[in-house]
Amino acid sequence: MDVRSCKNCGRLFNYLQGPPICQACKQKLEDKFIEVRDYIREYDSATMQEIAEATDTTVKQIKQWVREERLTFSDKSPVGIECETCGTMIRTGRFCDKCKNNMASTLTKMYAVTPPKQDKAKGKDKDRMRFLDKS
């Protein structure tokens, strides 16, 4: 059993996984998320700073929810975050579509198995059965 101190309120709790915060603080954070989500739905043209001030949330927390793909902004919204690779403005996630495709193709190439080339003459000789001479 792993007992930790909550990083928000300081109470001790049984830690299982995820951020080191207690259940009460997790519930408060989830309630705040729902409040931010509802505000964005109602005021879809609000800026990140306006959202943070209206909902009493930090801009950092809103960006974290966007990176986790829990929040998405509409196309007419001026809000966006930067792609972690190239800096292009995106609406949700960590990477733009171009960088996602580039990473996927790089990983595919990295793990692609190419059969080793064999010389036909060497391949035949290598696979032959050998016998010991009896003398």
C-alpha atoms as a PDB file:
ATOM      1  CA  MET A   1       0.000   0.000   0.000  1.00  0.00           C
ATOM      2  CA  ASP A   2       1.388   3.383  -1.062  1.00  0.00           C
ATOM      3  CA  VAL A   3       0.334   6.269   1.183  1.00  0.00           C
ATOM      4  CA  ARG A   4       1.025   9.761  -0.114  1.00  0.00           C
ATOM      5  CA  SER A   5       0.250  13.332   0.729  1.00  0.00           C
ATOM      6  CA  CYS A   6      -2.142  15.128  -1.664  1.00  0.00           C
ATOM      7  CA  LYS A   7      -0.279  17.811  -3.605  1.00  0.00           C
ATOM      8  CA  ASN A   8      -3.337  20.110  -3.493  1.00  0.00           C
ATOM      9  CA  CYS A   9      -4.682  19.878   0.070  1.00  0.00           C
ATOM     10  CA  GLY A  10      -1.960  17.946   1.931  1.00  0.00           C
ATOM     11  CA  ARG A  11      -4.198  15.114   3.205  1.00  0.00           C
ATOM     12  CA  LEU A  12      -2.858  11.564   3.316  1.00  0.00           C
ATOM     13  CA  PHE A  13      -4.464   9.066   0.932  1.00  0.00           C
ATOM     14  CA  ASN A  14      -3.883   5.635  -0.584  1.00  0.00           C
ATOM     15  CA  TYR A  15      -2.166   6.279  -3.896  1.00  0.00           C
ATOM     16  CA  LEU A  16      -3.047   3.957  -6.781  1.00  0.00           C
ATOM     17  CA  GLN A  17      -2.093   5.716 -10.021  1.00  0.00           C
ATOM     18  CA  GLY A  18      -2.205   9.001 -11.878  1.00  0.00           C
ATOM     19  CA  PRO A  19      -1.564  12.405 -10.378  1.00  0.00           C
ATOM     20  CA  PRO A  20      -0.803  12.379  -6.648  1.00  0.00           C
ATOM     21  CA  ILE A  21      -4.065  13.966  -5.478  1.00  0.00           C
ATOM     22  CA  CYS A  22      -6.761  12.631  -3.156  1.00  0.00           C
ATOM     23  CA  GLN A  23     -10.267  11.605  -4.261  1.00  0.00           C
ATOM     24  CA  ALA A  24     -11.849  14.829  -2.954  1.00  0.00           C
ATOM     25  CA  CYS A  25      -9.436  16.957  -4.992  1.00  0.00           C
ATOM     26  CA  LYS A  26      -9.946  14.720  -8.047  1.00  0.00           C
ATOM     27  CA  GLN A  27     -13.684  15.301  -7.769  1.00  0.00           C
ATOM     28  CA  LYS A  28     -13.187  19.067  -7.457  1.00  0.00           C
ATOM     29  CA  LEU A  29     -10.952  18.999 -10.544  1.00  0.00           C
ATOM     30  CA  GLU A  30     -13.541  16.980 -12.471  1.00  0.00           C
ATOM     31  CA  ASP A  31     -16.278  19.452 -11.469  1.00  0.00           C
ATOM     32  CA  LYS A  32     -14.055  22.307 -12.654  1.00  0.00           C
ATOM     33  CA  PHE A  33     -13.512  20.487 -15.967  1.00  0.00           C
ATOM     34  CA  ILE A  34     -17.274  20.180 -16.495  1.00  0.00           C
ATOM     35  CA  GLU A  35     -17.660  23.898 -15.733  1.00  0.00           C
ATOM     36  CA  VAL A  36     -14.947  24.804 -18.294  1.00  0.00           C
ATOM     37  CA  ARG A  37     -16.410  22.444 -20.900  1.00  0.00           C
ATOM     38  CA  ASP A  38     -19.875  23.945 -20.501  1.00  0.00           C
ATOM     39  CA  TYR A  39     -18.483  27.479 -20.698  1.00  0.00           C
ATOM     40  CA  ILE A  40     -16.649  26.661 -23.945  1.00  0.00           C
ATOM     41  CA  ARG A  41     -19.829  25.199 -25.421  1.00  0.00           C
ATOM     42  CA  GLU A  42     -21.790  28.322 -24.518  1.00  0.00           C
ATOM     43  CA  TYR A  43     -19.127  30.877 -25.486  1.00  0.00           C
ATOM     44  CA  ASP A  44     -17.277  29.180 -28.331  1.00  0.00           C
ATOM     45  CA  SER A  45     -15.475  32.373 -29.423  1.00  0.00           C
ATOM     46  CA  ALA A  46     -13.932  33.111 -25.985  1.00  0.00           C
ATOM     47  CA  THR A  47     -10.154  33.332 -25.648  1.00  0.00           C
ATOM     48  CA  MET A  48      -8.141  31.110 -23.336  1.00  0.00           C
ATOM     49  CA  GLN A  49      -7.655  33.952 -20.846  1.00  0.00           C
ATOM     50  CA  GLU A  50     -11.390  34.746 -20.807  1.00  0.00           C
ATOM     51  CA  ILE A  51     -12.214  31.080 -20.189  1.00  0.00           C
ATOM     52  CA  ALA A  52      -9.701  30.901 -17.328  1.00  0.00           C
ATOM     53  CA  GLU A  53     -11.002  34.076 -15.667  1.00  0.00           C
ATOM     54  CA  ALA A  54     -14.696  33.199 -16.063  1.00  0.00           C
ATOM     55  CA  THR A  55     -14.290  29.690 -14.649  1.00  0.00           C
ATOM     56  CA  ASP A  56     -11.594  30.495 -12.058  1.00  0.00           C
ATOM     57  CA  THR A  57      -9.211  27.989 -13.648  1.00  0.00           C
ATOM     58  CA  THR A  58      -5.584  28.377 -14.665  1.00  0.00           C
ATOM     59  CA  VAL A  59      -4.603  28.585 -18.324  1.00  0.00           C
ATOM     60  CA  LYS A  60      -2.087  25.808 -17.613  1.00  0.00           C
ATOM     61  CA  GLN A  61      -4.880  23.451 -16.482  1.00  0.00           C
ATOM     62  CA  ILE A  62      -6.997  24.245 -19.555  1.00  0.00           C
ATOM     63  CA  LYS A  63      -4.003  23.550 -21.827  1.00  0.00           C
ATOM     64  CA  GLN A  64      -3.438  20.238 -20.026  1.00  0.00           C
ATOM     65  CA  TRP A  65      -7.046  19.188 -20.729  1.00  0.00           C
ATOM     66  CA  VAL A  66      -6.598  20.183 -24.381  1.00  0.00           C
ATOM     67  CA  ARG A  67      -3.374  18.155 -24.656  1.00  0.00           C
ATOM     68  CA  GLU A  68      -5.146  15.165 -23.049  1.00  0.00           C
ATOM     69  CA  GLU A  69      -7.827  15.607 -25.765  1.00  0.00           C
ATOM     70  CA  ARG A  70     -10.533  16.095 -23.152  1.00  0.00           C
ATOM     71  CA  LEU A  71     -11.285  19.588 -24.510  1.00  0.00           C
ATOM     72  CA  THR A  72     -11.641  20.540 -28.167  1.00  0.00           C
ATOM     73  CA  PHE A  73     -12.256  23.993 -29.563  1.00  0.00           C
ATOM     74  CA  SER A  74     -14.484  24.753 -32.554  1.00  0.00           C
ATOM     75  CA  ASP A  75     -13.061  25.993 -35.848  1.00  0.00           C
ATOM     76  CA  LYS A  76     -14.352  29.518 -35.274  1.00  0.00           C
ATOM     77  CA  SER A  77     -12.700  29.700 -31.847  1.00  0.00           C
ATOM     78  CA  PRO A  78      -9.531  31.837 -31.634  1.00  0.00           C
ATOM     79  CA  VAL A  79      -8.112  29.402 -29.068  1.00  0.00           C
ATOM     80  CA  GLY A  80      -5.432  26.935 -29.983  1.00  0.00           C
ATOM     81  CA  ILE A  81      -2.257  25.432 -28.617  1.00  0.00           C
ATOM     82  CA  GLU A  82       1.047  24.798 -30.319  1.00  0.00           C
ATOM     83  CA  CYS A  83       2.096  21.465 -31.763  1.00  0.00           C
ATOM     84  CA  GLU A  84       4.929  20.154 -29.589  1.00  0.00           C
ATOM     85  CA  THR A  85       7.057  19.382 -32.636  1.00  0.00           C
ATOM     86  CA  CYS A  86       6.628  22.158 -35.200  1.00  0.00           C
ATOM     87  CA  GLY A  87       4.693  24.878 -33.348  1.00  0.00           C
ATOM     88  CA  THR A  88       1.648  24.936 -35.647  1.00  0.00           C
ATOM     89  CA  MET A  89      -1.575  25.981 -33.921  1.00  0.00           C
ATOM     90  CA  ILE A  90      -3.862  22.990 -33.236  1.00  0.00           C
ATOM     91  CA  ARG A  91      -7.286  22.631 -31.598  1.00  0.00           C
ATOM     92  CA  THR A  92      -6.641  19.537 -29.478  1.00  0.00           C
ATOM     93  CA  GLY A  93      -3.968  16.944 -28.710  1.00  0.00           C
ATOM     94  CA  ARG A  94      -0.211  17.308 -28.684  1.00  0.00           C
ATOM     95  CA  PHE A  95       0.747  17.124 -32.351  1.00  0.00           C
ATOM     96  CA  CYS A  96      -0.620  18.420 -35.657  1.00  0.00           C
ATOM     97  CA  ASP A  97      -1.760  15.968 -38.342  1.00  0.00           C
ATOM     98  CA  LYS A  98       1.434  16.451 -40.364  1.00  0.00           C
ATOM     99  CA  CYS A  99       3.671  15.585 -37.392  1.00  0.00           C
ATOM    100  CA  LYS A 100       1.447  12.621 -36.409  1.00  0.00           C
ATOM    101  CA  ASN A 101       1.735  11.200 -39.918  1.00  0.00           C
ATOM    102  CA  ASN A 102       5.487  11.826 -39.963  1.00  0.00           C
ATOM    103  CA  MET A 103       5.951  10.003 -36.628  1.00  0.00           C
ATOM    104  CA  ALA A 104       3.758   7.114 -37.773  1.00  0.00           C
ATOM    105  CA  SER A 105       5.716   6.647 -40.997  1.00  0.00           C
ATOM    106  CA  THR A 106       9.030   6.882 -39.128  1.00  0.00           C
ATOM    107  CA  LEU A 107       7.941   4.206 -36.649  1.00  0.00           C
ATOM    108  CA  THR A 108       6.636   2.014 -39.456  1.00  0.00           C
ATOM    109  CA  LYS A 109       9.967   2.271 -41.278  1.00  0.00           C
ATOM    110  CA  MET A 110      11.892   1.636 -38.064  1.00  0.00           C
ATOM    111  CA  TYR A 111      10.048  -1.565 -37.257  1.00  0.00           C
ATOM    112  CA  ALA A 112       9.670  -2.858 -40.806  1.00  0.00           C
ATOM    113  CA  VAL A 113      11.364  -6.227 -41.136  1.00  0.00           C
ATOM    114  CA  THR A 114      13.378  -6.668 -44.286  1.00  0.00           C
ATOM    115  CA  PRO A 115      14.461 -10.194 -45.110  1.00  0.00           C
ATOM    116  CA  PRO A 116      18.222 -10.606 -45.294  1.00  0.00           C
ATOM    117  CA  LYS A 117      19.613 -10.960 -48.799  1.00  0.00           C
ATOM    118  CA  GLN A 118      21.146 -14.349 -49.526  1.00  0.00           C
ATOM    119  CA  ASP A 119      23.425 -15.264 -52.321  1.00  0.00           C
ATOM    120  CA  LYS A 120      21.845 -18.203 -54.169  1.00  0.00           C
ATOM    121  CA  ALA A 121      25.067 -20.199 -54.339  1.00  0.00           C
ATOM    122  CA  LYS A 122      25.885 -19.649 -50.692  1.00  0.00           C
ATOM    123  CA  GLY A 123      22.293 -20.351 -49.669  1.00  0.00           C
ATOM    124  CA  LYS A 124      22.308 -23.777 -51.328  1.00  0.00           C
ATOM    125  CA  ASP A 125      25.649 -24.744 -49.867  1.00  0.00           C
ATOM    126  CA  LYS A 126      24.704 -23.551 -46.410  1.00  0.00           C
ATOM    127  CA  ASP A 127      21.497 -25.587 -46.281  1.00  0.00           C
ATOM    128  CA  ARG A 128      23.051 -28.886 -47.407  1.00  0.00           C
ATOM    129  CA  MET A 129      23.303 -31.829 -45.077  1.00  0.00           C
ATOM    130  CA  ARG A 130      26.817 -32.856 -44.148  1.00  0.00           C
ATOM    131  CA  PHE A 131      28.142 -36.313 -43.309  1.00  0.00           C
ATOM    132  CA  LEU A 132      31.232 -37.325 -41.444  1.00  0.00           C
ATOM    133  CA  ASP A 133      33.615 -39.537 -43.398  1.00  0.00           C
ATOM    134  CA  LYS A 134      34.126 -42.983 -41.911  1.00  0.00           C
ATOM    135  CA  SER A 135      37.730 -43.999 -42.246  1.00  0.00           C
END
